[in-house]
């Protein structure tokens, strides 16, 4: 069983808006990129070590799933602010 709660559309919009602001990407563009699996512009905007860490995480689906399953939505929101 999963330990995380389902994200509502409103929460998803808020996450996209906050992440878009941090990355300086339009939230709708960000959503389209994420839905298509195109993370190249996101990792480029992050740059440096953080961008490399994102690429490493995305290249290992098991590690990404493990991280997501351990994440608390409230903590994620706090980190994005």
Foldseek 3Di string as FASTA:
>chain_A
DFPADDQDPVNLLVLLVLLCVVLVHDSVVVVVCVVVVNCVSVLVSVDDPVSVVVVVCVVDVVNVVVVVSPDYSVVVSVVSD
